[in-house]
Amino acid sequence: MRSTLVRVAVALVATATLAACSSNDSGNGSGSTSAPSGSSGSIKSGLKIAVIPKQVNQPYFDAAFTGAKKACDEIKASCDQIGPTQATGAAQTQFINTAVQQGYDAIVISAADADSVTPALQKAQQAGITVVTYDADVNDTNARSAMITPTTPEQIGQYQVKWIADAIGPSGGEIAILSAAANAANQNAWIGFMKTELANYPQLKLVDTVYGNDDTTLSTQKAAALMQAHPNLKGIISPTTVGIAAAAKYISGSSYKGKVQVTGLGLPSQMKPFVEDDTVKQFGLWDPSMLGYLGIYAAAQKISGVDLKTAGVTAGGKNYKLGDKGVVIVGPPQVFNKDNINNFNF
């Protein structure tokens, strides 16, 4: 499922909405239940936690860090966001090593590369540092204690195909995917389920998948290149907040507006102009602040002796069970359109 678009201000209404959605799911880590008072046990105070996004100075991860800081304030921990300006595993590895050297108690990380950061995370664990992933996981689940994911890959893939099908209409046509990095685990999982779901939409034909590496300039160039390579293109799905914003901005200011539909995963604050000018009919996301919020609580409770596999993660008065492979699912995607986009401020 990376990623991204957002704004630093995270709407409480969105948090409440998605938290409510997550409480409707059960089992397999897919949601939360009300937690008895004090069920999370005693959390150590004074913890020092490093939050490592795929890329700093990116609104999506800034919003996730807003949630992380809220959690750190609640448990009286210090919380620092450190990370690279380019979303690569090699760049992240340097910051993982820095966190180890500086004596952090925990690392909460969104993996830019599902494999290359693993050795550094394993060394961090050997040094006594608790590791929790959020947003994007590593392939080796032994390299972390828990993974905080916004929703299931199946749902993300299915929803995005439905959104583009609805936008294009029954006549269908050619579509393309504008993803982030070619080795981003969450993006690739979502794309895999998109391809599976497309079997239910015979009117749609996937003709290309390109990668903008979560860079606005490159994503814009890739969107433009898709138009040139596929003159009959009817839609673009971009499962990354950077990509969808870049594609929407390009289409909005071009002769393709109204001819090529855009959808995917984006932030209401960045996508609002393109929804209002009818470039984008609908798109979705989740509250990214919840990823950081639960990531901090998972790390802190693990450090404090909580067995996450049996007790789950307790935060905000709710208990989130760990499902298969230690994954905590926040809730289903939130759909944004012209009718509701003004209700969200993140």
Foldseek 3Di string as FASTA:
>chain_A
DDDAAAALDFDPVQVVVLLVQQCVDDAQLRHWDFDDPCLLPQFDAAAEEEEEELAPPHRLVSLQVSLLVVLCVVRNYHYYYDYHHARDQVRRLVVLVVCQVVDGQEYEYAHSAQESNQVSLQVSVVSNHAYEYECAHHPPLVSHQAYEYAHDLLLQLLVLLVQLDVLLDLQEWEEEEEEADPRGVSRVSNVVNVVVNCVVVVSYDYDYYHHQNLDLVSLLVVLVVVCVVCVGAAEYEYAYASNQLSNLVNCVPDPCQVRYAYEHDHYLVSCVVSQVVVNYAKYWYGRSNVRSNQSNQVSRSVSVPDNCQPFAGDDPSIGRHQRPSRYNHSRHIDMDHPVCSVVTDD
